[in-house]
Amino acid sequence: MLEIWVFVSGGSETDDYRDVAKRVIRAVERIFVVGLERDVVLRHWDYREESPDIVPLGQFASKSLRMVDRSGAVIAILGEEIPRVTGNEIRRAIDQLTAEKTDKVWLFIDAAKKNDNHRRFVRRLRRAHRVEVIYQEFTDPLDFQEKAFVALTPYVVRQSYPSEEAS
């Protein structure tokens, strides 16, 4: 059985899109399990489903960063803001990608809310990690769903059929 962890990063203003991403993850899993009869399980952690807890000051993001470290792929969603925790998760995901501990990072930005902060953030990522950060803009939940599905499906195909890629 192939188990793939997919982390979805985004602030509370992107909660609706996080829900869409969760549905995409479940749909892609169904394609493999039901349609292709492959033992593929897509795991997804969501802080919104955690039990209430008290954590030391400044440690709120530590669990999400551990989950980024554990994940093979990261879907990052930005609305108007780039929350501190979300920015840290994206930076960590790119750290993991450049260290070849994560396979894929996708960055999605709400086209109507894209601003100079996003452009600066992407420039800083490029400089700090020496990578070209290619992101996709989305216009609404259906557009985001399509783009997330198109991104995730080939990734899971490559993971579940690794020997054929080497041929």
N, C-alpha and C. Protein backbone atom coordinates (compact mmCIF):
# COMPACT_ATOMS: atom_id res chain seq x y z
N MET A 1 0.84 -1.18 0.00
CA MET A 1 0.00 0.00 0.00
C MET A 1 0.89 1.25 0.00
N LEU A 2 0.52 2.19 -0.85
CA LEU A 2 1.23 3.46 -0.93
C LEU A 2 0.48 4.49 -0.09
N GLU A 3 1.20 5.12 0.83
CA GLU A 3 0.62 6.16 1.67
C GLU A 3 1.31 7.48 1.35
N ILE A 4 0.53 8.48 0.99
CA ILE A 4 1.06 9.79 0.64
C ILE A 4 0.41 10.83 1.56
N TRP A 5 1.24 11.61 2.22
CA TRP A 5 0.75 12.71 3.05
C TRP A 5 0.73 13.98 2.21
N VAL A 6 -0.41 14.66 2.19
CA VAL A 6 -0.56 15.93 1.48
C VAL A 6 -0.95 16.98 2.53
N PHE A 7 -0.14 17.99 2.65
CA PHE A 7 -0.41 19.06 3.61
C PHE A 7 -1.04 20.24 2.87
N VAL A 8 -2.10 20.78 3.45
CA VAL A 8 -2.75 21.97 2.88
C VAL A 8 -2.49 23.13 3.82
N SER A 9 -1.86 24.17 3.28
CA SER A 9 -1.50 25.34 4.07
C SER A 9 -2.35 26.52 3.62
N GLY A 10 -2.81 27.29 4.58
CA GLY A 10 -3.58 28.49 4.27
C GLY A 10 -4.14 29.07 5.55
N GLY A 11 -4.28 30.37 5.57
CA GLY A 11 -4.85 31.04 6.74
C GLY A 11 -6.36 30.87 6.80
N SER A 12 -6.95 31.38 7.87
CA SER A 12 -8.39 31.19 8.07
C SER A 12 -9.23 31.82 6.97
N GLU A 13 -8.72 32.85 6.30
CA GLU A 13 -9.50 33.46 5.22
C GLU A 13 -9.62 32.53 4.02
N THR A 14 -8.79 31.47 3.97
CA THR A 14 -8.86 30.52 2.86
C THR A 14 -9.51 29.20 3.27
N ASP A 15 -10.22 29.20 4.38
CA ASP A 15 -10.83 27.96 4.87
C ASP A 15 -11.72 27.28 3.83
N ASP A 16 -12.49 28.05 3.06
CA ASP A 16 -13.34 27.44 2.04
C ASP A 16 -12.50 26.71 1.00
N TYR A 17 -11.37 27.28 0.65
CA TYR A 17 -10.49 26.65 -0.32
C TYR A 17 -9.76 25.45 0.28
N ARG A 18 -9.47 25.51 1.57
CA ARG A 18 -8.88 24.35 2.24
C ARG A 18 -9.87 23.18 2.18
N ASP A 19 -11.16 23.48 2.36
CA ASP A 19 -12.18 22.44 2.26
C ASP A 19 -12.25 21.87 0.85
N VAL A 20 -12.12 22.73 -0.15
CA VAL A 20 -12.09 22.26 -1.54
C VAL A 20 -10.88 21.35 -1.74
N ALA A 21 -9.73 21.73 -1.23
CA ALA A 21 -8.52 20.91 -1.36
C ALA A 21 -8.73 19.54 -0.71
N LYS A 22 -9.37 19.51 0.45
CA LYS A 22 -9.66 18.22 1.10
C LYS A 22 -10.53 17.35 0.22
N ARG A 23 -11.54 17.96 -0.44
CA ARG A 23 -12.41 17.19 -1.34
C ARG A 23 -11.62 16.68 -2.55
N VAL A 24 -10.71 17.49 -3.06
CA VAL A 24 -9.87 17.06 -4.18
C VAL A 24 -9.01 15.87 -3.75
N ILE A 25 -8.42 15.95 -2.58
CA ILE A 25 -7.58 14.86 -2.08
C ILE A 25 -8.40 13.57 -1.99
N ARG A 26 -9.61 13.66 -1.45
CA ARG A 26 -10.48 12.47 -1.35
C ARG A 26 -10.86 11.95 -2.73
N ALA A 27 -11.15 12.84 -3.68
CA ALA A 27 -11.54 12.43 -5.04
C ALA A 27 -10.39 11.72 -5.75
N VAL A 28 -9.19 12.26 -5.63
CA VAL A 28 -8.03 11.63 -6.26
C VAL A 28 -7.79 10.26 -5.64
N GLU A 29 -7.93 10.16 -4.34
CA GLU A 29 -7.78 8.86 -3.69
C GLU A 29 -8.81 7.87 -4.23
N ARG A 30 -10.05 8.30 -4.40
CA ARG A 30 -11.10 7.41 -4.94
C ARG A 30 -10.75 6.94 -6.35
N ILE A 31 -10.17 7.81 -7.15
CA ILE A 31 -9.77 7.42 -8.51
C ILE A 31 -8.85 6.21 -8.45
N PHE A 32 -7.88 6.26 -7.54
CA PHE A 32 -6.91 5.18 -7.46
C PHE A 32 -7.46 3.94 -6.79
N VAL A 33 -8.17 4.12 -5.70
CA VAL A 33 -8.67 2.96 -4.95
C VAL A 33 -9.82 2.28 -5.68
N VAL A 34 -10.78 3.05 -6.15
CA VAL A 34 -11.97 2.47 -6.78
C VAL A 34 -11.77 2.30 -8.28
N GLY A 35 -11.36 3.37 -8.96
CA GLY A 35 -11.26 3.33 -10.41
C GLY A 35 -10.12 2.48 -10.93
N LEU A 36 -8.96 2.59 -10.29
CA LEU A 36 -7.77 1.88 -10.77
C LEU A 36 -7.41 0.67 -9.91
N GLU A 37 -8.15 0.48 -8.82
CA GLU A 37 -7.93 -0.63 -7.90
C GLU A 37 -6.47 -0.70 -7.43
N ARG A 38 -5.95 0.46 -7.07
CA ARG A 38 -4.59 0.56 -6.53
C ARG A 38 -4.69 0.87 -5.04
N ASP A 39 -3.81 0.30 -4.26
CA ASP A 39 -3.79 0.56 -2.82
C ASP A 39 -3.04 1.86 -2.56
N VAL A 40 -3.74 2.97 -2.74
CA VAL A 40 -3.16 4.29 -2.53
C VAL A 40 -4.02 5.00 -1.47
N VAL A 41 -3.37 5.47 -0.43
CA VAL A 41 -4.06 6.21 0.62
C VAL A 41 -3.45 7.60 0.69
N LEU A 42 -4.29 8.60 0.58
CA LEU A 42 -3.83 9.98 0.71
C LEU A 42 -4.20 10.46 2.10
N ARG A 43 -3.22 10.81 2.87
CA ARG A 43 -3.43 11.30 4.23
C ARG A 43 -3.41 12.82 4.23
N HIS A 44 -4.18 13.38 5.13
CA HIS A 44 -4.28 14.84 5.21
C HIS A 44 -4.53 15.21 6.66
N TRP A 45 -3.73 16.13 7.17
CA TRP A 45 -3.91 16.63 8.53
C TRP A 45 -4.48 18.03 8.46
N ASP A 46 -5.43 18.33 9.34
CA ASP A 46 -6.05 19.66 9.36
C ASP A 46 -6.12 20.13 10.81
N TYR A 47 -5.44 21.23 11.08
CA TYR A 47 -5.42 21.75 12.45
C TYR A 47 -6.82 22.06 12.95
N ARG A 48 -7.76 22.33 12.04
CA ARG A 48 -9.13 22.66 12.44
C ARG A 48 -9.85 21.47 13.04
N GLU A 49 -9.31 20.26 12.85
CA GLU A 49 -9.93 19.05 13.38
C GLU A 49 -9.22 18.56 14.64
N GLU A 50 -8.22 19.29 15.10
CA GLU A 50 -7.50 18.92 16.31
C GLU A 50 -8.36 19.15 17.54
N SER A 51 -8.09 18.40 18.59
CA SER A 51 -8.75 18.62 19.87
C SER A 51 -8.28 19.96 20.44
N PRO A 52 -9.15 20.66 21.15
CA PRO A 52 -8.71 21.90 21.78
C PRO A 52 -7.54 21.62 22.72
N ASP A 53 -6.62 22.55 22.78
CA ASP A 53 -5.42 22.33 23.58
C ASP A 53 -4.83 23.67 24.00
N ILE A 54 -3.96 23.64 24.94
CA ILE A 54 -3.19 24.80 25.36
C ILE A 54 -1.73 24.49 25.03
N VAL A 55 -1.08 25.40 24.32
CA VAL A 55 0.32 25.19 23.96
C VAL A 55 1.13 26.37 24.46
N PRO A 56 2.41 26.16 24.70
CA PRO A 56 3.26 27.28 25.14
C PRO A 56 3.25 28.41 24.12
N LEU A 57 3.37 29.61 24.61
CA LEU A 57 3.39 30.79 23.75
C LEU A 57 4.45 30.65 22.67
N GLY A 58 4.05 30.90 21.43
CA GLY A 58 4.96 30.81 20.31
C GLY A 58 5.09 29.42 19.71
N GLN A 59 4.38 28.43 20.26
CA GLN A 59 4.49 27.06 19.78
C GLN A 59 3.28 26.61 18.96
N PHE A 60 2.39 27.55 18.63
CA PHE A 60 1.17 27.19 17.90
C PHE A 60 1.49 26.48 16.59
N ALA A 61 2.50 26.95 15.87
CA ALA A 61 2.79 26.42 14.54
C ALA A 61 3.65 25.16 14.56
N SER A 62 4.15 24.75 15.71
CA SER A 62 5.12 23.65 15.72
C SER A 62 4.52 22.35 15.17
N LYS A 63 3.27 22.05 15.49
CA LYS A 63 2.67 20.81 14.96
C LYS A 63 2.50 20.89 13.46
N SER A 64 2.04 22.05 12.95
CA SER A 64 1.86 22.15 11.50
C SER A 64 3.20 22.03 10.78
N LEU A 65 4.26 22.58 11.35
CA LEU A 65 5.58 22.45 10.72
C LEU A 65 6.06 21.00 10.74
N ARG A 66 5.75 20.28 11.81
CA ARG A 66 6.09 18.84 11.84
C ARG A 66 5.32 18.09 10.76
N MET A 67 4.07 18.50 10.53
CA MET A 67 3.27 17.85 9.50
C MET A 67 3.78 18.20 8.10
N VAL A 68 4.27 19.41 7.92
CA VAL A 68 4.91 19.77 6.65
C VAL A 68 6.10 18.85 6.43
N ASP A 69 6.91 18.65 7.47
CA ASP A 69 8.09 17.79 7.36
C ASP A 69 7.72 16.36 6.98
N ARG A 70 6.57 15.92 7.42
CA ARG A 70 6.12 14.55 7.19
C ARG A 70 5.51 14.36 5.80
N SER A 71 5.11 15.43 5.16
CA SER A 71 4.32 15.36 3.93
C SER A 71 5.18 15.22 2.69
N GLY A 72 4.64 14.48 1.73
CA GLY A 72 5.29 14.34 0.44
C GLY A 72 4.96 15.48 -0.49
N ALA A 73 3.83 16.13 -0.24
CA ALA A 73 3.39 17.22 -1.10
C ALA A 73 2.68 18.26 -0.24
N VAL A 74 2.78 19.52 -0.69
CA VAL A 74 2.15 20.63 0.04
C VAL A 74 1.38 21.49 -0.94
N ILE A 75 0.11 21.74 -0.61
CA ILE A 75 -0.73 22.67 -1.35
C ILE A 75 -0.85 23.92 -0.49
N ALA A 76 -0.34 25.04 -0.99
CA ALA A 76 -0.39 26.30 -0.24
C ALA A 76 -1.37 27.25 -0.93
N ILE A 77 -2.27 27.82 -0.12
CA ILE A 77 -3.32 28.69 -0.65
C ILE A 77 -3.21 30.05 0.02
N LEU A 78 -3.09 31.09 -0.79
CA LEU A 78 -3.02 32.44 -0.25
C LEU A 78 -4.20 33.28 -0.71
N GLY A 79 -4.82 33.93 0.26
CA GLY A 79 -5.85 34.93 -0.03
C GLY A 79 -5.18 36.29 -0.01
N GLU A 80 -5.84 37.26 0.57
CA GLU A 80 -5.28 38.60 0.60
C GLU A 80 -4.06 38.70 1.51
N GLU A 81 -4.10 37.99 2.61
CA GLU A 81 -3.01 38.03 3.60
C GLU A 81 -2.07 36.85 3.43
N ILE A 82 -0.89 36.99 4.00
CA ILE A 82 0.04 35.88 4.14
C ILE A 82 0.27 35.73 5.64
N PRO A 83 -0.60 34.95 6.30
CA PRO A 83 -0.46 34.81 7.75
C PRO A 83 0.93 34.27 8.12
N ARG A 84 1.41 34.66 9.28
CA ARG A 84 2.74 34.26 9.74
C ARG A 84 2.92 32.75 9.69
N VAL A 85 1.95 32.00 10.23
CA VAL A 85 2.07 30.54 10.27
C VAL A 85 2.09 29.98 8.84
N THR A 86 1.21 30.47 8.00
CA THR A 86 1.17 30.00 6.61
C THR A 86 2.48 30.29 5.90
N GLY A 87 3.02 31.49 6.07
CA GLY A 87 4.31 31.83 5.48
C GLY A 87 5.41 30.90 5.96
N ASN A 88 5.39 30.59 7.25
CA ASN A 88 6.38 29.66 7.80
C ASN A 88 6.22 28.26 7.22
N GLU A 89 4.97 27.83 7.05
CA GLU A 89 4.73 26.50 6.46
C GLU A 89 5.24 26.45 5.02
N ILE A 90 4.99 27.51 4.26
CA ILE A 90 5.46 27.54 2.87
C ILE A 90 6.98 27.54 2.82
N ARG A 91 7.60 28.37 3.64
CA ARG A 91 9.07 28.39 3.67
C ARG A 91 9.62 27.02 4.05
N ARG A 92 9.01 26.39 5.04
CA ARG A 92 9.46 25.06 5.49
C ARG A 92 9.27 24.04 4.37
N ALA A 93 8.15 24.12 3.67
CA ALA A 93 7.90 23.18 2.57
C ALA A 93 8.96 23.33 1.48
N ILE A 94 9.34 24.57 1.18
CA ILE A 94 10.37 24.78 0.16
C ILE A 94 11.73 24.33 0.68
N ASP A 95 12.00 24.53 1.97
CA ASP A 95 13.22 23.98 2.57
C ASP A 95 13.26 22.46 2.35
N GLN A 96 12.15 21.81 2.64
CA GLN A 96 12.06 20.36 2.50
C GLN A 96 12.21 19.94 1.03
N LEU A 97 11.64 20.73 0.14
CA LEU A 97 11.73 20.43 -1.29
C LEU A 97 13.17 20.53 -1.77
N THR A 98 13.86 21.58 -1.38
CA THR A 98 15.25 21.74 -1.83
C THR A 98 16.17 20.71 -1.18
N ALA A 99 15.77 20.19 -0.03
CA ALA A 99 16.55 19.13 0.63
C ALA A 99 16.10 17.74 0.14
N GLU A 100 15.18 17.72 -0.81
CA GLU A 100 14.64 16.49 -1.39
C GLU A 100 13.96 15.59 -0.36
N LYS A 101 13.35 16.22 0.64
CA LYS A 101 12.58 15.48 1.64
C LYS A 101 11.09 15.59 1.36
N THR A 102 10.71 16.51 0.49
CA THR A 102 9.33 16.69 0.03
C THR A 102 9.40 16.64 -1.49
N ASP A 103 8.38 16.05 -2.09
CA ASP A 103 8.38 15.87 -3.53
C ASP A 103 7.83 17.06 -4.31
N LYS A 104 6.82 17.73 -3.74
CA LYS A 104 6.13 18.75 -4.53
C LYS A 104 5.54 19.81 -3.63
N VAL A 105 5.60 21.06 -4.09
CA VAL A 105 4.95 22.18 -3.42
C VAL A 105 4.21 22.97 -4.49
N TRP A 106 2.92 23.17 -4.28
CA TRP A 106 2.11 23.98 -5.19
C TRP A 106 1.64 25.22 -4.45
N LEU A 107 1.80 26.38 -5.07
CA LEU A 107 1.36 27.64 -4.49
C LEU A 107 0.24 28.20 -5.34
N PHE A 108 -0.89 28.49 -4.69
CA PHE A 108 -2.06 29.06 -5.34
C PHE A 108 -2.37 30.40 -4.69
N ILE A 109 -2.66 31.41 -5.51
CA ILE A 109 -2.97 32.75 -5.00
C ILE A 109 -4.30 33.20 -5.59
N ASP A 110 -5.18 33.69 -4.74
CA ASP A 110 -6.46 34.24 -5.17
C ASP A 110 -6.19 35.44 -6.07
N ALA A 111 -6.58 35.36 -7.33
CA ALA A 111 -6.26 36.40 -8.33
C ALA A 111 -6.83 37.76 -7.94
N ALA A 112 -8.01 37.77 -7.36
CA ALA A 112 -8.65 39.04 -7.00
C ALA A 112 -7.99 39.70 -5.79
N LYS A 113 -7.23 38.92 -5.03
CA LYS A 113 -6.63 39.44 -3.80
C LYS A 113 -5.11 39.55 -3.88
N LYS A 114 -4.55 39.19 -5.03
CA LYS A 114 -3.10 39.26 -5.20
C LYS A 114 -2.64 40.70 -5.07
N ASN A 115 -1.54 40.91 -4.35
CA ASN A 115 -1.06 42.27 -4.11
C ASN A 115 0.46 42.29 -4.01
N ASP A 116 1.01 43.44 -3.68
CA ASP A 116 2.46 43.59 -3.59
C ASP A 116 3.07 42.68 -2.53
N ASN A 117 2.34 42.39 -1.45
CA ASN A 117 2.85 41.48 -0.42
C ASN A 117 3.14 40.10 -1.01
N HIS A 118 2.27 39.65 -1.90
CA HIS A 118 2.48 38.35 -2.54
C HIS A 118 3.72 38.38 -3.42
N ARG A 119 3.85 39.44 -4.19
CA ARG A 119 5.01 39.56 -5.08
C ARG A 119 6.32 39.60 -4.27
N ARG A 120 6.32 40.35 -3.17
CA ARG A 120 7.51 40.41 -2.30
C ARG A 120 7.80 39.05 -1.68
N PHE A 121 6.75 38.38 -1.22
CA PHE A 121 6.90 37.06 -0.60
C PHE A 121 7.53 36.08 -1.59
N VAL A 122 7.03 36.06 -2.81
CA VAL A 122 7.57 35.15 -3.83
C VAL A 122 9.01 35.52 -4.16
N ARG A 123 9.33 36.80 -4.27
CA ARG A 123 10.71 37.22 -4.53
C ARG A 123 11.64 36.76 -3.41
N ARG A 124 11.19 36.91 -2.16
CA ARG A 124 12.01 36.48 -1.01
C ARG A 124 12.23 34.96 -1.04
N LEU A 125 11.18 34.22 -1.39
CA LEU A 125 11.33 32.77 -1.49
C LEU A 125 12.36 32.41 -2.55
N ARG A 126 12.29 33.09 -3.69
CA ARG A 126 13.24 32.82 -4.77
C ARG A 126 14.67 33.10 -4.33
N ARG A 127 14.87 34.24 -3.68
CA ARG A 127 16.23 34.61 -3.24
C ARG A 127 16.73 33.67 -2.14
N ALA A 128 15.90 33.41 -1.17
CA ALA A 128 16.33 32.62 -0.01
C ALA A 128 16.60 31.15 -0.37
N HIS A 129 15.82 30.62 -1.30
CA HIS A 129 15.92 29.18 -1.58
C HIS A 129 16.54 28.87 -2.93
N ARG A 130 16.82 29.93 -3.69
CA ARG A 130 17.41 29.77 -5.01
C ARG A 130 16.59 28.83 -5.89
N VAL A 131 15.28 29.06 -5.90
CA VAL A 131 14.36 28.31 -6.74
C VAL A 131 13.45 29.28 -7.47
N GLU A 132 12.94 28.84 -8.57
CA GLU A 132 11.94 29.62 -9.29
C GLU A 132 10.58 29.23 -8.71
N VAL A 133 9.87 30.18 -8.18
CA VAL A 133 8.57 29.90 -7.57
C VAL A 133 7.48 30.22 -8.59
N ILE A 134 6.90 29.18 -9.12
CA ILE A 134 5.82 29.34 -10.10
C ILE A 134 4.53 29.05 -9.37
N TYR A 135 3.64 30.01 -9.40
CA TYR A 135 2.36 29.85 -8.71
C TYR A 135 1.23 29.96 -9.72
N GLN A 136 0.06 29.51 -9.28
CA GLN A 136 -1.13 29.65 -10.10
C GLN A 136 -2.11 30.55 -9.40
N GLU A 137 -2.74 31.40 -10.16
CA GLU A 137 -3.82 32.22 -9.63
C GLU A 137 -5.13 31.48 -9.87
N PHE A 138 -6.05 31.66 -8.94
CA PHE A 138 -7.39 31.07 -9.10
C PHE A 138 -8.42 32.18 -8.92
N THR A 139 -9.60 31.97 -9.48
CA THR A 139 -10.61 33.02 -9.46
C THR A 139 -11.80 32.70 -8.57
N ASP A 140 -12.06 31.43 -8.34
CA ASP A 140 -13.20 31.03 -7.52
C ASP A 140 -13.00 29.58 -7.08
N PRO A 141 -13.88 29.05 -6.24
CA PRO A 141 -13.67 27.68 -5.75
C PRO A 141 -13.60 26.62 -6.86
N LEU A 142 -14.42 26.77 -7.89
CA LEU A 142 -14.40 25.78 -8.97
C LEU A 142 -13.08 25.83 -9.74
N ASP A 143 -12.60 27.04 -10.00
CA ASP A 143 -11.31 27.20 -10.68
C ASP A 143 -10.19 26.61 -9.83
N PHE A 144 -10.21 26.89 -8.53
CA PHE A 144 -9.20 26.33 -7.64
C PHE A 144 -9.28 24.80 -7.62
N GLN A 145 -10.50 24.27 -7.56
CA GLN A 145 -10.68 22.82 -7.55
C GLN A 145 -10.05 22.19 -8.79
N GLU A 146 -10.33 22.76 -9.94
CA GLU A 146 -9.77 22.23 -11.18
C GLU A 146 -8.25 22.25 -11.15
N LYS A 147 -7.67 23.38 -10.73
CA LYS A 147 -6.22 23.51 -10.73
C LYS A 147 -5.56 22.59 -9.70
N ALA A 148 -6.18 22.43 -8.55
CA ALA A 148 -5.64 21.52 -7.53
C ALA A 148 -5.73 20.08 -8.01
N PHE A 149 -6.83 19.72 -8.65
CA PHE A 149 -7.01 18.36 -9.17
C PHE A 149 -5.98 18.07 -10.26
N VAL A 150 -5.78 19.02 -11.16
CA VAL A 150 -4.81 18.84 -12.25
C VAL A 150 -3.38 18.76 -11.70
N ALA A 151 -3.10 19.44 -10.61
CA ALA A 151 -1.77 19.37 -9.99
C ALA A 151 -1.57 18.05 -9.25
N LEU A 152 -2.54 17.65 -8.45
CA LEU A 152 -2.38 16.50 -7.57
C LEU A 152 -2.42 15.16 -8.31
N THR A 153 -3.28 15.04 -9.30
CA THR A 153 -3.46 13.74 -9.97
C THR A 153 -2.17 13.22 -10.61
N PRO A 154 -1.46 13.99 -11.45
CA PRO A 154 -0.22 13.45 -12.02
C PRO A 154 0.83 13.13 -10.96
N TYR A 155 0.84 13.91 -9.89
CA TYR A 155 1.78 13.63 -8.80
C TYR A 155 1.52 12.25 -8.22
N VAL A 156 0.25 11.95 -7.94
CA VAL A 156 -0.08 10.65 -7.36
C VAL A 156 0.18 9.53 -8.37
N VAL A 157 -0.09 9.79 -9.65
CA VAL A 157 0.22 8.79 -10.68
C VAL A 157 1.71 8.46 -10.65
N ARG A 158 2.56 9.49 -10.63
CA ARG A 158 4.01 9.25 -10.62
C ARG A 158 4.45 8.50 -9.36
N GLN A 159 3.81 8.80 -8.24
CA GLN A 159 4.16 8.12 -7.00
C GLN A 159 3.70 6.66 -7.01
N SER A 160 2.58 6.38 -7.63
CA SER A 160 2.01 5.03 -7.56
C SER A 160 2.52 4.12 -8.68
N TYR A 161 3.14 4.69 -9.70
CA TYR A 161 3.71 3.90 -10.79
C TYR A 161 5.19 4.27 -10.98
N PRO A 162 6.00 4.20 -9.93
CA PRO A 162 7.39 4.70 -10.03
C PRO A 162 8.26 3.91 -11.00
N SER A 163 8.05 2.61 -11.11
CA SER A 163 8.92 1.80 -11.98
C SER A 163 8.69 2.13 -13.44
N GLU A 164 7.48 2.50 -13.82
CA GLU A 164 7.19 2.83 -15.21
C GLU A 164 7.83 4.16 -15.60
N GLU A 165 7.99 5.07 -14.63
CA GLU A 165 8.63 6.36 -14.92
C GLU A 165 10.10 6.16 -15.26
N ALA A 166 10.73 5.19 -14.65
CA ALA A 166 12.15 4.94 -14.88
C ALA A 166 12.39 4.29 -16.24
N SER A 167 11.37 3.66 -16.83
CA SER A 167 11.54 2.96 -18.11
C SER A 167 11.78 3.91 -19.25
